[in-house]
Amino acid sequence: MKKGKAKLKRQDFKLPESAADLKWYTFEEVLAEAMKKKGFKEAYERERRRRDLADQIRTSRTAKKLSQQTVAKKAAMSQSVIARLESGDHGVSVDTLSRVAHALGKRVEIV
């Protein structure tokens, strides 16, 4: 065993007997604590920006009453690419973003 680290045993933990014995945390409390950890804030902001971009694309498309299929056709790509882009779960290349922006009557500015 490494010096300074105590090995915990099952009997060292007392399970709560009721919900009243639990400590509940809000999302804001958990996020505030996580933001203190090295690298978390930057990763969180990158993820938030990617999700915001996905929302902007979806909002722009729906405001123009266009289907994913229509945008995909205008951008010369498959509908599944538009769906992945709008999900916010995947990164996107500048080329793909530019083609989709053009199909929506927008342009990409890198600042």
Protein backbone atom coordinates (compact mmCIF):
# COMPACT_ATOMS: atom_id res chain seq x y z
CA MET A 1 0.00 0.00 0.00
CA LYS A 2 1.26 3.51 -0.87
CA LYS A 3 2.27 5.74 1.98
CA GLY A 4 -0.45 8.18 3.06
CA LYS A 5 -3.35 6.28 1.52
CA ALA A 6 -5.59 4.32 3.81
CA LYS A 7 -7.33 1.29 2.42
CA LEU A 8 -11.06 1.60 2.91
CA LYS A 9 -13.09 -1.41 3.88
CA ARG A 10 -16.77 -2.07 3.34
CA GLN A 11 -17.52 -1.66 7.03
CA ASP A 12 -16.02 1.87 6.87
CA PHE A 13 -19.09 3.08 4.96
CA LYS A 14 -22.48 3.62 6.52
CA LEU A 15 -25.28 3.47 3.99
CA PRO A 16 -28.07 6.02 4.42
CA GLU A 17 -31.16 4.58 6.00
CA SER A 18 -33.58 6.99 4.29
CA ALA A 19 -33.71 9.76 1.69
CA ALA A 20 -33.52 12.27 4.55
CA ASP A 21 -30.00 10.98 5.29
CA LEU A 22 -28.81 11.88 1.77
CA LYS A 23 -27.18 15.18 0.81
CA TRP A 24 -28.72 16.52 -2.41
CA TYR A 25 -26.83 18.85 -4.74
CA THR A 26 -28.19 21.13 -7.46
CA PHE A 27 -26.74 21.10 -10.95
CA GLU A 28 -25.28 24.55 -10.29
CA GLU A 29 -23.47 23.30 -7.16
CA VAL A 30 -22.02 20.31 -8.99
CA LEU A 31 -20.99 22.45 -11.99
CA ALA A 32 -19.36 25.08 -9.75
CA GLU A 33 -17.29 22.37 -8.06
CA ALA A 34 -16.33 20.77 -11.39
CA MET A 35 -15.28 24.15 -12.83
CA LYS A 36 -12.52 24.24 -10.20
CA LYS A 37 -10.87 21.16 -11.71
CA LYS A 38 -7.97 21.61 -14.09
CA GLY A 39 -9.03 21.41 -17.73
CA PHE A 40 -12.74 21.00 -17.02
CA LYS A 41 -13.70 24.61 -17.73
CA GLU A 42 -12.00 24.61 -21.16
CA ALA A 43 -13.55 21.28 -22.12
CA TYR A 44 -16.95 22.42 -20.90
CA GLU A 45 -16.74 25.63 -22.97
CA ARG A 46 -15.68 23.71 -26.11
CA GLU A 47 -18.63 21.37 -25.69
CA ARG A 48 -21.01 24.27 -25.05
CA ARG A 49 -19.84 26.07 -28.21
CA ARG A 50 -20.31 22.92 -30.30
CA ARG A 51 -23.84 22.45 -28.93
CA ASP A 52 -24.62 26.14 -29.56
CA LEU A 53 -23.47 25.79 -33.16
CA ALA A 54 -25.69 22.74 -33.64
CA ASP A 55 -28.64 24.69 -32.22
CA GLN A 56 -27.95 27.63 -34.54
CA ILE A 57 -27.90 25.35 -37.58
CA ARG A 58 -31.15 23.61 -36.58
CA THR A 59 -32.85 26.93 -35.74
CA SER A 60 -31.79 28.48 -39.05
CA ARG A 61 -33.01 25.45 -41.01
CA THR A 62 -36.37 25.26 -39.26
CA ALA A 63 -36.91 29.04 -39.50
CA LYS A 64 -36.58 28.69 -43.27
CA LYS A 65 -38.95 25.69 -43.11
CA LEU A 66 -36.36 23.45 -44.77
CA SER A 67 -36.00 19.72 -44.15
CA GLN A 68 -32.66 18.13 -43.39
CA GLN A 69 -32.95 16.41 -46.77
CA THR A 70 -33.36 19.75 -48.60
CA VAL A 71 -30.38 21.32 -46.85
CA ALA A 72 -28.31 18.20 -47.51
CA LYS A 73 -29.16 18.30 -51.21
CA LYS A 74 -28.23 22.00 -51.45
CA ALA A 75 -24.95 21.29 -49.62
CA ALA A 76 -24.20 18.19 -51.75
CA MET A 77 -24.09 15.81 -48.81
CA SER A 78 -26.28 13.17 -47.23
CA GLN A 79 -29.14 13.89 -44.84
CA SER A 80 -27.35 11.88 -42.15
CA VAL A 81 -24.50 14.44 -42.15
CA ILE A 82 -27.00 17.21 -41.38
CA ALA A 83 -28.58 15.08 -38.64
CA ARG A 84 -25.17 14.42 -37.04
CA LEU A 85 -24.30 18.10 -37.28
CA GLU A 86 -27.57 19.15 -35.63
CA SER A 87 -27.17 16.59 -32.86
CA GLY A 88 -24.08 18.41 -31.61
CA ASP A 89 -22.50 15.07 -30.73
CA HIS A 90 -19.83 15.27 -33.44
CA GLY A 91 -17.19 17.76 -34.49
CA VAL A 92 -17.46 19.41 -37.88
CA SER A 93 -14.91 20.49 -40.45
CA VAL A 94 -14.80 24.08 -41.68
CA ASP A 95 -15.55 22.81 -45.19
CA THR A 96 -18.71 20.99 -44.09
CA LEU A 97 -19.82 23.92 -41.96
CA SER A 98 -19.26 26.30 -44.88
CA ARG A 99 -21.29 24.15 -47.27
CA VAL A 100 -24.19 23.90 -44.82
CA ALA A 101 -24.03 27.63 -44.06
CA HIS A 102 -24.17 28.41 -47.80
CA ALA A 103 -27.16 26.07 -48.21
CA LEU A 104 -28.89 28.06 -45.44
CA GLY A 105 -28.00 31.44 -46.98
CA LYS A 106 -25.39 32.13 -44.30
CA ARG A 107 -21.62 32.46 -44.25
CA VAL A 108 -18.93 31.33 -41.85
CA GLU A 109 -16.64 33.88 -40.26
CA ILE A 110 -13.62 32.77 -38.30
CA VAL A 111 -12.71 35.38 -35.73
